[in-house]
């Protein structure tokens, strides 16, 4: 099985989405009160935004292409509650549905993974550090390290924190991610976050062909009541 290669959404060109909300170039921006991002290093992929907080993405990446697309918040929050519905998630051989973001000081890339394809993240070589019970399921916790790789701070060495659900979330149901539960569980294991940068409910594909359609609800508030 090929190792996964995670590349962040960096050095993106800021462009305005078309009237139909479809974007096929690397972009970050804001629309209808939400932050959005699309990044790919090769292959084909387009992100379509709707006016209700949702998005759809399709990709055909060839053998090695990587794509990340999603909507969320320009500034992350440790107490954010994310409510969403995946009406379609077909990740092919390698794709993820994940709450995704970055922190600075320390520089960390993090994932709360609710869906995946044939490849289960973060890969067979990663050893779980523990578990966390959250939102009706169990997540395994991992830490991996990237050495001299692209990041939001340029080429750097940084840790990745993972919470990976043991069972995939069902499609076409209202789901919830209580991020504070993961932050607390990571902290108990010595995995600390710094100042949060952007935070999105992302679809990622690697070396695959796939598509997803995701809607965010209560997206304007998005924090613990």
C-alpha atoms as a PDB file:
ATOM      1  CA  UNK A   1       0.000   0.000   0.000  1.00  0.00           C
ATOM      2  CA  UNK A   2       1.394   3.385  -0.935  1.00  0.00           C
ATOM      3  CA  UNK A   3       2.106   5.769   1.914  1.00  0.00           C
ATOM      4  CA  UNK A   4      -0.134   8.800   2.052  1.00  0.00           C
ATOM      5  CA  UNK A   5       1.407  12.118   1.177  1.00  0.00           C
ATOM      6  CA  UNK A   6      -0.290  15.028   2.902  1.00  0.00           C
ATOM      7  CA  UNK A   7       0.281  18.449   1.373  1.00  0.00           C
ATOM      8  CA  UNK A   8      -1.302  21.550   2.925  1.00  0.00           C
ATOM      9  CA  UNK A   9      -3.330  24.247   1.242  1.00  0.00           C
ATOM     10  CA  UNK A  10      -0.627  26.897   0.951  1.00  0.00           C
ATOM     11  CA  UNK A  11       0.563  29.541  -1.494  1.00  0.00           C
ATOM     12  CA  UNK A  12      -2.899  29.802  -3.016  1.00  0.00           C
ATOM     13  CA  UNK A  13      -4.038  32.389  -5.522  1.00  0.00           C
ATOM     14  CA  UNK A  14      -6.930  34.529  -4.334  1.00  0.00           C
ATOM     15  CA  UNK A  15      -9.601  34.711  -7.012  1.00  0.00           C
ATOM     16  CA  UNK A  16     -13.307  35.347  -7.007  1.00  0.00           C
ATOM     17  CA  UNK A  17     -15.621  32.429  -7.609  1.00  0.00           C
ATOM     18  CA  UNK A  18     -17.762  32.560 -10.718  1.00  0.00           C
ATOM     19  CA  UNK A  19     -21.459  33.304 -10.624  1.00  0.00           C
ATOM     20  CA  UNK A  20     -22.241  29.619 -10.213  1.00  0.00           C
ATOM     21  CA  UNK A  21     -19.745  29.284  -7.364  1.00  0.00           C
ATOM     22  CA  UNK A  22     -17.575  26.764  -9.254  1.00  0.00           C
ATOM     23  CA  UNK A  23     -13.801  27.061  -8.868  1.00  0.00           C
ATOM     24  CA  UNK A  24     -11.241  24.932 -10.688  1.00  0.00           C
ATOM     25  CA  UNK A  25      -8.039  26.768  -9.723  1.00  0.00           C
ATOM     26  CA  UNK A  26      -6.142  26.944  -6.444  1.00  0.00           C
ATOM     27  CA  UNK A  27      -7.925  29.485  -4.269  1.00  0.00           C
ATOM     28  CA  UNK A  28      -8.740  30.679  -0.792  1.00  0.00           C
ATOM     29  CA  UNK A  29     -11.510  33.138  -0.081  1.00  0.00           C
ATOM     30  CA  UNK A  30     -14.691  34.038   1.733  1.00  0.00           C
ATOM     31  CA  UNK A  31     -18.242  33.652   0.517  1.00  0.00           C
ATOM     32  CA  UNK A  32     -21.613  33.763   2.293  1.00  0.00           C
ATOM     33  CA  UNK A  33     -19.925  34.147   5.660  1.00  0.00           C
ATOM     34  CA  UNK A  34     -17.598  31.146   5.328  1.00  0.00           C
ATOM     35  CA  UNK A  35     -13.966  30.637   4.400  1.00  0.00           C
ATOM     36  CA  UNK A  36     -13.218  28.239   1.532  1.00  0.00           C
ATOM     37  CA  UNK A  37     -10.130  26.650   0.065  1.00  0.00           C
ATOM     38  CA  UNK A  38      -9.230  24.544  -2.959  1.00  0.00           C
ATOM     39  CA  UNK A  39      -5.711  23.279  -3.545  1.00  0.00           C
ATOM     40  CA  UNK A  40      -4.348  20.618  -5.882  1.00  0.00           C
ATOM     41  CA  UNK A  41      -0.844  19.866  -7.064  1.00  0.00           C
ATOM     42  CA  UNK A  42      -1.799  18.019 -10.273  1.00  0.00           C
ATOM     43  CA  UNK A  43      -4.713  16.343 -11.947  1.00  0.00           C
ATOM     44  CA  UNK A  44      -8.220  17.738 -12.249  1.00  0.00           C
ATOM     45  CA  UNK A  45     -10.555  18.992  -9.547  1.00  0.00           C
ATOM     46  CA  UNK A  46     -13.272  21.596  -9.055  1.00  0.00           C
ATOM     47  CA  UNK A  47     -15.040  23.003  -6.001  1.00  0.00           C
ATOM     48  CA  UNK A  48     -18.628  24.271  -6.199  1.00  0.00           C
ATOM     49  CA  UNK A  49     -19.967  26.508  -3.422  1.00  0.00           C
ATOM     50  CA  UNK A  50     -23.628  26.970  -2.612  1.00  0.00           C
ATOM     51  CA  UNK A  51     -25.287  29.826  -0.768  1.00  0.00           C
ATOM     52  CA  UNK A  52     -26.369  27.712   2.216  1.00  0.00           C
ATOM     53  CA  UNK A  53     -22.926  26.811   3.504  1.00  0.00           C
ATOM     54  CA  UNK A  54     -22.393  23.661   1.461  1.00  0.00           C
ATOM     55  CA  UNK A  55     -19.962  22.558  -1.195  1.00  0.00           C
ATOM     56  CA  UNK A  56     -19.394  19.844  -3.765  1.00  0.00           C
ATOM     57  CA  UNK A  57     -16.057  18.693  -5.141  1.00  0.00           C
ATOM     58  CA  UNK A  58     -15.046  16.328  -7.918  1.00  0.00           C
ATOM     59  CA  UNK A  59     -11.539  15.181  -8.716  1.00  0.00           C
ATOM     60  CA  UNK A  60      -9.526  12.928 -11.015  1.00  0.00           C
ATOM     61  CA  UNK A  61      -5.939  13.082  -9.792  1.00  0.00           C
ATOM     62  CA  UNK A  62      -4.060  10.360 -11.595  1.00  0.00           C
ATOM     63  CA  UNK A  63      -1.625   8.206  -9.633  1.00  0.00           C
ATOM     64  CA  UNK A  64       0.072  10.842  -7.459  1.00  0.00           C
ATOM     65  CA  UNK A  65      -2.080  13.953  -7.448  1.00  0.00           C
ATOM     66  CA  UNK A  66      -3.300  15.496  -4.194  1.00  0.00           C
ATOM     67  CA  UNK A  67      -6.348  17.724  -3.647  1.00  0.00           C
ATOM     68  CA  UNK A  68      -7.796  19.422  -0.563  1.00  0.00           C
ATOM     69  CA  UNK A  69     -11.072  21.358  -0.689  1.00  0.00           C
ATOM     70  CA  UNK A  70     -13.512  22.528   1.917  1.00  0.00           C
ATOM     71  CA  UNK A  71     -15.398  25.262   3.745  1.00  0.00           C
ATOM     72  CA  UNK A  72     -15.208  26.533   7.273  1.00  0.00           C
ATOM     73  CA  UNK A  73     -13.561  29.351   9.139  1.00  0.00           C
ATOM     74  CA  UNK A  74     -10.592  31.592   8.472  1.00  0.00           C
ATOM     75  CA  UNK A  75      -9.714  31.397  12.169  1.00  0.00           C
ATOM     76  CA  UNK A  76     -10.096  28.083  13.982  1.00  0.00           C
ATOM     77  CA  UNK A  77     -11.635  27.624  17.428  1.00  0.00           C
ATOM     78  CA  UNK A  78     -10.819  24.913  19.963  1.00  0.00           C
ATOM     79  CA  UNK A  79     -14.441  24.875  21.176  1.00  0.00           C
ATOM     80  CA  UNK A  80     -16.011  24.701  17.729  1.00  0.00           C
ATOM     81  CA  UNK A  81     -18.951  22.360  17.185  1.00  0.00           C
ATOM     82  CA  UNK A  82     -19.289  21.415  13.522  1.00  0.00           C
ATOM     83  CA  UNK A  83     -22.649  20.175  12.281  1.00  0.00           C
ATOM     84  CA  UNK A  84     -22.735  18.747   8.792  1.00  0.00           C
ATOM     85  CA  UNK A  85     -24.424  16.340   6.399  1.00  0.00           C
ATOM     86  CA  UNK A  86     -22.599  14.406   3.688  1.00  0.00           C
ATOM     87  CA  UNK A  87     -25.127  13.677   0.975  1.00  0.00           C
ATOM     88  CA  UNK A  88     -22.390  12.142  -1.164  1.00  0.00           C
ATOM     89  CA  UNK A  89     -18.909  10.924  -0.321  1.00  0.00           C
ATOM     90  CA  UNK A  90     -17.237   8.661  -2.863  1.00  0.00           C
ATOM     91  CA  UNK A  91     -13.505   8.898  -2.142  1.00  0.00           C
ATOM     92  CA  UNK A  92     -12.293   6.142  -4.420  1.00  0.00           C
ATOM     93  CA  UNK A  93      -9.100   4.377  -3.391  1.00  0.00           C
ATOM     94  CA  UNK A  94      -7.786   7.188  -1.200  1.00  0.00           C
ATOM     95  CA  UNK A  95      -9.832  10.085   0.139  1.00  0.00           C
ATOM     96  CA  UNK A  96     -10.900  11.586   3.466  1.00  0.00           C
ATOM     97  CA  UNK A  97     -13.737  13.553   4.995  1.00  0.00           C
ATOM     98  CA  UNK A  98     -12.174  15.441   7.870  1.00  0.00           C
ATOM     99  CA  UNK A  99     -12.210  18.472  10.085  1.00  0.00           C
ATOM    100  CA  UNK A 100      -8.851  19.899   9.093  1.00  0.00           C
ATOM    101  CA  UNK A 101      -6.701  22.797  10.187  1.00  0.00           C
ATOM    102  CA  UNK A 102      -3.428  24.202  11.416  1.00  0.00           C
ATOM    103  CA  UNK A 103      -1.989  25.762  14.545  1.00  0.00           C
ATOM    104  CA  UNK A 104       1.060  27.978  14.981  1.00  0.00           C
ATOM    105  CA  UNK A 105       3.525  27.947  17.884  1.00  0.00           C
ATOM    106  CA  UNK A 106       3.664  24.980  17.805  1.00  0.00           C
ATOM    107  CA  UNK A 107       3.174  24.384  14.119  1.00  0.00           C
ATOM    108  CA  UNK A 108       0.694  21.476  13.886  1.00  0.00           C
ATOM    109  CA  UNK A 109      -1.496  20.058  11.125  1.00  0.00           C
ATOM    110  CA  UNK A 110      -4.547  18.252  12.531  1.00  0.00           C
ATOM    111  CA  UNK A 111      -7.359  15.988  11.388  1.00  0.00           C
ATOM    112  CA  UNK A 112     -10.589  14.634  12.838  1.00  0.00           C
ATOM    113  CA  UNK A 113     -11.468  11.999  10.243  1.00  0.00           C
ATOM    114  CA  UNK A 114     -15.071  10.820   9.840  1.00  0.00           C
ATOM    115  CA  UNK A 115     -14.897   9.134   6.424  1.00  0.00           C
ATOM    116  CA  UNK A 116     -12.313   7.485   4.159  1.00  0.00           C
ATOM    117  CA  UNK A 117     -11.933   5.148   1.206  1.00  0.00           C
ATOM    118  CA  UNK A 118      -9.933   1.951   0.747  1.00  0.00           C
ATOM    119  CA  UNK A 119      -6.894   3.460   2.487  1.00  0.00           C
ATOM    120  CA  UNK A 120      -7.369   4.010   6.230  1.00  0.00           C
ATOM    121  CA  UNK A 121      -5.493   7.005   7.635  1.00  0.00           C
ATOM    122  CA  UNK A 122      -2.875   7.700   8.728  1.00  0.00           C
ATOM    123  CA  UNK A 123      -1.442   4.429   7.395  1.00  0.00           C
ATOM    124  CA  UNK A 124      -0.411   1.027   8.669  1.00  0.00           C
ATOM    125  CA  UNK A 125       2.859   2.289  10.160  1.00  0.00           C
ATOM    126  CA  UNK A 126       1.196   4.650  12.639  1.00  0.00           C
ATOM    127  CA  UNK A 127       0.704   3.404  16.214  1.00  0.00           C
ATOM    128  CA  UNK A 128      -2.387   4.623  18.094  1.00  0.00           C
ATOM    129  CA  UNK A 129      -1.612   6.587  21.248  1.00  0.00           C
ATOM    130  CA  UNK A 130      -5.078   6.244  22.748  1.00  0.00           C
ATOM    131  CA  UNK A 131      -8.756   6.715  22.034  1.00  0.00           C
ATOM    132  CA  UNK A 132     -11.417   9.338  22.596  1.00  0.00           C
ATOM    133  CA  UNK A 133     -15.165   8.808  22.775  1.00  0.00           C
ATOM    134  CA  UNK A 134     -17.021  11.627  21.060  1.00  0.00           C
ATOM    135  CA  UNK A 135     -20.335  12.229  19.333  1.00  0.00           C
ATOM    136  CA  UNK A 136     -21.521   8.640  19.520  1.00  0.00           C
ATOM    137  CA  UNK A 137     -18.336   6.991  18.325  1.00  0.00           C
ATOM    138  CA  UNK A 138     -14.758   6.035  19.092  1.00  0.00           C
ATOM    139  CA  UNK A 139     -11.729   7.714  17.545  1.00  0.00           C
ATOM    140  CA  UNK A 140      -8.163   6.407  17.584  1.00  0.00           C
ATOM    141  CA  UNK A 141      -5.525   9.072  18.216  1.00  0.00           C
ATOM    142  CA  UNK A 142      -2.211   9.226  16.360  1.00  0.00           C
ATOM    143  CA  UNK A 143       0.745  11.552  15.990  1.00  0.00           C
ATOM    144  CA  UNK A 144       2.866  11.536  12.849  1.00  0.00           C
ATOM    145  CA  UNK A 145       5.695  13.824  11.816  1.00  0.00           C
ATOM    146  CA  UNK A 146       6.482  15.582   8.549  1.00  0.00           C
ATOM    147  CA  UNK A 147      10.105  16.549   7.962  1.00  0.00           C
ATOM    148  CA  UNK A 148      11.039  19.487   5.722  1.00  0.00           C
ATOM    149  CA  UNK A 149       7.625  19.605   4.093  1.00  0.00           C
ATOM    150  CA  UNK A 150       5.418  22.480   2.902  1.00  0.00           C
ATOM    151  CA  UNK A 151       3.307  24.130   5.593  1.00  0.00           C
ATOM    152  CA  UNK A 152       1.508  27.378   6.315  1.00  0.00           C
ATOM    153  CA  UNK A 153       4.876  28.628   7.624  1.00  0.00           C
ATOM    154  CA  UNK A 154       6.872  27.536   4.563  1.00  0.00           C
ATOM    155  CA  UNK A 155       9.047  24.426   4.409  1.00  0.00           C
ATOM    156  CA  UNK A 156       9.203  23.079   7.959  1.00  0.00           C
ATOM    157  CA  UNK A 157       9.202  20.049  10.226  1.00  0.00           C
ATOM    158  CA  UNK A 158       5.950  19.659  12.123  1.00  0.00           C
ATOM    159  CA  UNK A 159       3.667  17.144  13.831  1.00  0.00           C
ATOM    160  CA  UNK A 160       0.308  15.946  12.599  1.00  0.00           C
ATOM    161  CA  UNK A 161      -2.396  15.089  15.153  1.00  0.00           C
ATOM    162  CA  UNK A 162      -5.087  12.630  14.145  1.00  0.00           C
ATOM    163  CA  UNK A 163      -8.399  11.445  15.542  1.00  0.00           C
ATOM    164  CA  UNK A 164      -9.728   8.739  13.215  1.00  0.00           C
ATOM    165  CA  UNK A 165     -13.183   7.311  13.788  1.00  0.00           C
ATOM    166  CA  UNK A 166     -13.251   3.529  14.020  1.00  0.00           C
ATOM    167  CA  UNK A 167     -16.434   3.346  11.913  1.00  0.00           C
ATOM    168  CA  UNK A 168     -17.285   5.585   8.981  1.00  0.00           C
ATOM    169  CA  UNK A 169     -20.092   8.092   9.465  1.00  0.00           C
ATOM    170  CA  UNK A 170     -23.263   7.242   7.526  1.00  0.00           C
ATOM    171  CA  UNK A 171     -24.249   9.297   4.517  1.00  0.00           C
ATOM    172  CA  UNK A 172     -27.225  11.620   4.343  1.00  0.00           C
ATOM    173  CA  UNK A 173     -27.541  12.081   8.102  1.00  0.00           C
ATOM    174  CA  UNK A 174     -26.938  15.026  10.364  1.00  0.00           C
ATOM    175  CA  UNK A 175     -23.546  14.547  12.017  1.00  0.00           C
ATOM    176  CA  UNK A 176     -21.591  16.520  14.586  1.00  0.00           C
ATOM    177  CA  UNK A 177     -17.919  16.968  15.492  1.00  0.00           C
ATOM    178  CA  UNK A 178     -17.278  18.369  18.960  1.00  0.00           C
ATOM    179  CA  UNK A 179     -13.730  19.555  18.446  1.00  0.00           C
ATOM    180  CA  UNK A 180     -13.166  20.355  22.137  1.00  0.00           C
ATOM    181  CA  UNK A 181     -13.336  16.634  22.941  1.00  0.00           C
ATOM    182  CA  UNK A 182     -10.440  15.942  20.602  1.00  0.00           C
ATOM    183  CA  UNK A 183      -8.404  18.916  21.791  1.00  0.00           C
ATOM    184  CA  UNK A 184      -8.775  17.727  25.414  1.00  0.00           C
ATOM    185  CA  UNK A 185      -7.878  14.118  24.536  1.00  0.00           C
ATOM    186  CA  UNK A 186      -4.829  15.231  22.559  1.00  0.00           C
ATOM    187  CA  UNK A 187      -3.718  17.433  25.448  1.00  0.00           C
ATOM    188  CA  UNK A 188      -3.935  14.517  27.897  1.00  0.00           C
ATOM    189  CA  UNK A 189      -1.509  12.677  25.626  1.00  0.00           C
ATOM    190  CA  UNK A 190       0.870  15.621  25.453  1.00  0.00           C
ATOM    191  CA  UNK A 191      -0.310  16.778  22.015  1.00  0.00           C
ATOM    192  CA  UNK A 192      -0.805  20.514  22.399  1.00  0.00           C
ATOM    193  CA  UNK A 193      -2.071  23.026  19.883  1.00  0.00           C
ATOM    194  CA  UNK A 194      -0.994  26.625  19.552  1.00  0.00           C
ATOM    195  CA  UNK A 195      -2.816  29.570  18.019  1.00  0.00           C
ATOM    196  CA  UNK A 196      -5.332  28.184  15.540  1.00  0.00           C
ATOM    197  CA  UNK A 197      -5.182  29.207  11.898  1.00  0.00           C
ATOM    198  CA  UNK A 198      -7.874  28.246   9.365  1.00  0.00           C
ATOM    199  CA  UNK A 199     -10.234  25.341  10.097  1.00  0.00           C
ATOM    200  CA  UNK A 200     -12.386  23.641   7.452  1.00  0.00           C
ATOM    201  CA  UNK A 201     -14.559  20.600   6.952  1.00  0.00           C
ATOM    202  CA  UNK A 202     -12.460  19.233   4.132  1.00  0.00           C
ATOM    203  CA  UNK A 203     -12.534  16.614   1.441  1.00  0.00           C
ATOM    204  CA  UNK A 204      -9.086  15.345   0.517  1.00  0.00           C
ATOM    205  CA  UNK A 205      -8.154  13.019  -2.304  1.00  0.00           C
ATOM    206  CA  UNK A 206      -4.819  11.444  -3.176  1.00  0.00           C
ATOM    207  CA  UNK A 207      -4.081   9.457  -6.315  1.00  0.00           C
ATOM    208  CA  UNK A 208      -7.778   8.757  -6.799  1.00  0.00           C
ATOM    209  CA  UNK A 209     -10.977   9.744  -8.565  1.00  0.00           C
ATOM    210  CA  UNK A 210     -13.943  10.760  -6.461  1.00  0.00           C
ATOM    211  CA  UNK A 211     -16.564  13.261  -5.428  1.00  0.00           C
ATOM    212  CA  UNK A 212     -18.360  14.570  -2.384  1.00  0.00           C
ATOM    213  CA  UNK A 213     -21.252  16.860  -1.498  1.00  0.00           C
ATOM    214  CA  UNK A 214     -21.219  18.348   1.998  1.00  0.00           C
ATOM    215  CA  UNK A 215     -23.460  20.843   3.785  1.00  0.00           C
ATOM    216  CA  UNK A 216     -22.575  22.737   6.954  1.00  0.00           C
ATOM    217  CA  UNK A 217     -25.422  23.722   9.277  1.00  0.00           C
ATOM    218  CA  UNK A 218     -25.349  26.450  11.926  1.00  0.00           C
ATOM    219  CA  UNK A 219     -22.192  27.517  10.130  1.00  0.00           C
ATOM    220  CA  UNK A 220     -22.418  31.138  11.130  1.00  0.00           C
ATOM    221  CA  UNK A 221     -22.122  30.366  14.832  1.00  0.00           C
ATOM    222  CA  UNK A 222     -20.224  27.111  14.874  1.00  0.00           C
ATOM    223  CA  UNK A 223     -19.143  27.194  18.518  1.00  0.00           C
ATOM    224  CA  UNK A 224     -20.298  25.591  21.719  1.00  0.00           C
ATOM    225  CA  UNK A 225     -23.564  27.206  22.914  1.00  0.00           C
END
